[in-house]
Amino acid sequence: MATNKTYTVVKNGEELKELKTLAAAKKLADEQGGEVMCEGAVVYHAVSPIEPEPEKTEEVKAPVKEMEKYTLLSKMNIRTAPSLEADKVGIAEAGTVVEVLAIEDDWLHVRNGAGVVFILYGGGKYARKN
C-alpha cells in the first residue's frame, strides 16, 4: 500500500529537508540531531549516541513511579505517536503483557528498545491492568 506522506526533518525549529520515507528521515534526523515531523506531529526524536544517560536523567521531571503492567486483550498495532494516523512500527498479540509508563488521551505509553511507542487503550477495551 503506497503512502503519500512527506516526512520533514527539523532541527531547532528550522526545516532541514523533506523526505518520502520515514527510514530516510530518521537517518538524517540522527545525523543532524533533529526530529522528524509528519502531518504536523513529531513522529521521531533523534537519538544522541554521545550522552544517552544524562539526557534520560534530565527528562524525568515528574516523580518516578513503578511501571504498571497491562495485558492486551486484542491484537494491537504499535504506533510511533498517540494517533490512529501515526505510522505502525509493529503488532502486539492478544495476551502480551506490556509495562506502561503512562496512559494519556486513551493511549498506553510503552517503552521498547527504540524508545516510547503507543498502543490504543480504548478505556480498558483493549488492555487490562494486571
Protein backbone atom coordinates (compact mmCIF):
# COMPACT_ATOMS: atom_id res chain seq x y z
CA MET A 1 0.00 0.00 0.00
CA ALA A 2 1.63 3.22 -1.14
CA THR A 3 1.75 6.22 1.14
CA ASN A 4 1.79 9.85 0.14
CA LYS A 5 3.21 11.09 3.43
CA THR A 6 6.07 13.54 3.50
CA TYR A 7 8.48 13.49 6.42
CA THR A 8 10.19 16.75 7.38
CA VAL A 9 13.45 16.76 9.32
CA VAL A 10 13.60 19.73 11.70
CA LYS A 11 16.39 20.98 13.96
CA ASN A 12 15.98 23.89 16.38
CA GLY A 13 12.74 24.90 14.63
CA GLU A 14 14.41 25.06 11.20
CA GLU A 15 13.27 22.76 8.41
CA LEU A 16 16.27 20.83 7.06
CA LYS A 17 14.77 18.56 4.40
CA GLU A 18 11.58 16.83 3.25
CA LEU A 19 11.81 13.10 2.53
CA LYS A 20 9.44 10.42 1.22
CA THR A 21 10.32 7.64 3.69
CA LEU A 22 10.40 7.56 7.47
CA ALA A 23 13.61 5.50 7.43
CA ALA A 24 15.48 8.15 5.42
CA ALA A 25 14.09 10.92 7.63
CA LYS A 26 15.14 9.07 10.82
CA LYS A 27 18.66 8.61 9.46
CA LEU A 28 19.02 12.30 8.65
CA ALA A 29 17.49 13.31 11.99
CA ASP A 30 20.03 11.10 13.81
CA GLU A 31 22.90 12.59 11.80
CA GLN A 32 21.75 16.17 12.43
CA GLY A 33 20.40 15.77 15.97
CA GLY A 34 16.91 16.81 14.87
CA GLU A 35 13.44 15.36 14.83
CA VAL A 36 11.01 14.09 12.19
CA MET A 37 7.60 15.67 11.65
CA CYS A 38 4.70 14.27 9.65
CA GLU A 39 1.30 15.88 9.26
CA GLY A 40 2.11 18.44 11.97
CA ALA A 41 3.16 15.92 14.63
CA VAL A 42 6.59 14.83 15.82
CA VAL A 43 6.97 11.15 14.91
CA TYR A 44 10.64 10.66 15.81
CA HIS A 45 13.28 12.28 18.01
CA ALA A 46 16.93 11.73 17.12
CA VAL A 47 18.87 9.53 19.49
CA SER A 48 22.10 11.04 20.74
CA PRO A 49 24.78 8.35 20.82
CA ILE A 50 27.21 10.58 22.75
CA GLU A 51 25.39 11.20 26.04
CA PRO A 52 22.36 8.91 26.40
CA GLU A 53 22.47 8.58 30.21
CA PRO A 54 22.42 12.29 31.20
CA GLU A 55 19.61 13.02 28.74
CA LYS A 56 17.43 10.27 30.18
CA THR A 57 18.06 11.52 33.71
CA GLU A 58 17.21 15.13 32.79
CA GLU A 59 14.00 14.15 31.00
CA VAL A 60 12.48 12.78 34.21
CA LYS A 61 10.77 15.80 35.74
CA ALA A 62 7.85 14.15 37.50
CA PRO A 63 8.32 11.77 40.40
CA VAL A 64 9.23 8.34 39.08
CA LYS A 65 6.70 5.65 39.86
CA GLU A 66 6.92 1.96 39.20
CA MET A 67 5.69 0.99 35.75
CA GLU A 68 2.38 -0.81 35.76
CA LYS A 69 1.79 -3.99 33.77
CA TYR A 70 -1.16 -4.35 31.43
CA THR A 71 -2.29 -7.36 29.40
CA LEU A 72 -3.51 -6.70 25.86
CA LEU A 73 -6.96 -8.14 25.21
CA SER A 74 -6.76 -7.93 21.41
CA LYS A 75 -4.12 -7.99 18.69
CA MET A 76 -2.98 -4.34 18.64
CA ASN A 77 -0.96 -2.04 16.38
CA ILE A 78 2.10 -0.41 17.94
CA ARG A 79 2.47 3.19 16.74
CA THR A 80 5.10 5.94 16.68
CA ALA A 81 2.73 8.54 18.15
CA PRO A 82 -0.59 8.50 20.05
CA SER A 83 -2.75 8.72 16.93
CA LEU A 84 -4.55 6.30 14.63
CA GLU A 85 -2.87 8.19 11.79
CA ALA A 86 0.66 7.58 13.16
CA ASP A 87 2.97 5.06 11.50
CA LYS A 88 2.71 1.47 12.67
CA VAL A 89 6.01 0.04 13.91
CA GLY A 90 4.77 -3.37 14.95
CA ILE A 91 1.94 -5.57 16.18
CA ALA A 92 1.42 -6.98 19.68
CA GLU A 93 -0.58 -10.19 20.02
CA ALA A 94 -3.50 -10.60 22.43
CA GLY A 95 -2.18 -11.75 25.81
CA THR A 96 1.03 -9.72 25.52
CA VAL A 97 2.00 -8.10 28.84
CA VAL A 98 3.39 -4.56 28.48
CA GLU A 99 4.93 -2.21 31.05
CA VAL A 100 3.10 1.11 30.83
CA LEU A 101 4.82 4.42 31.55
CA ALA A 102 1.57 6.40 31.41
CA ILE A 103 -1.94 6.49 29.97
CA GLU A 104 -2.77 9.78 28.30
CA ASP A 105 -5.60 10.64 25.92
CA ASP A 106 -6.65 6.96 25.86
CA TRP A 107 -3.20 5.71 24.72
CA LEU A 108 -0.80 3.42 26.58
CA HIS A 109 2.73 4.87 26.56
CA VAL A 110 5.10 1.89 26.43
CA ARG A 111 8.92 1.90 26.36
CA ASN A 112 10.60 -0.51 23.96
CA GLY A 113 14.13 -0.84 22.61
CA ALA A 114 13.61 2.05 20.17
CA GLY A 115 12.08 4.48 22.67
CA VAL A 116 8.47 5.18 23.60
CA VAL A 117 5.71 3.68 21.46
CA PHE A 118 1.96 3.87 21.77
CA ILE A 119 -0.91 1.36 21.93
CA LEU A 120 -4.59 2.33 21.93
CA TYR A 121 -6.12 1.73 25.37
CA GLY A 122 -9.79 2.23 24.45
CA GLY A 123 -10.83 2.99 28.03
CA GLY A 124 -9.92 -0.55 29.02
CA LYS A 125 -11.48 -2.19 25.97
CA TYR A 126 -8.09 -3.28 24.58
CA ALA A 127 -6.00 -3.79 27.74
CA ARG A 128 -6.48 -4.52 31.41
CA LYS A 129 -4.28 -3.72 34.38
CA ASN A 130 -2.66 -6.79 35.93
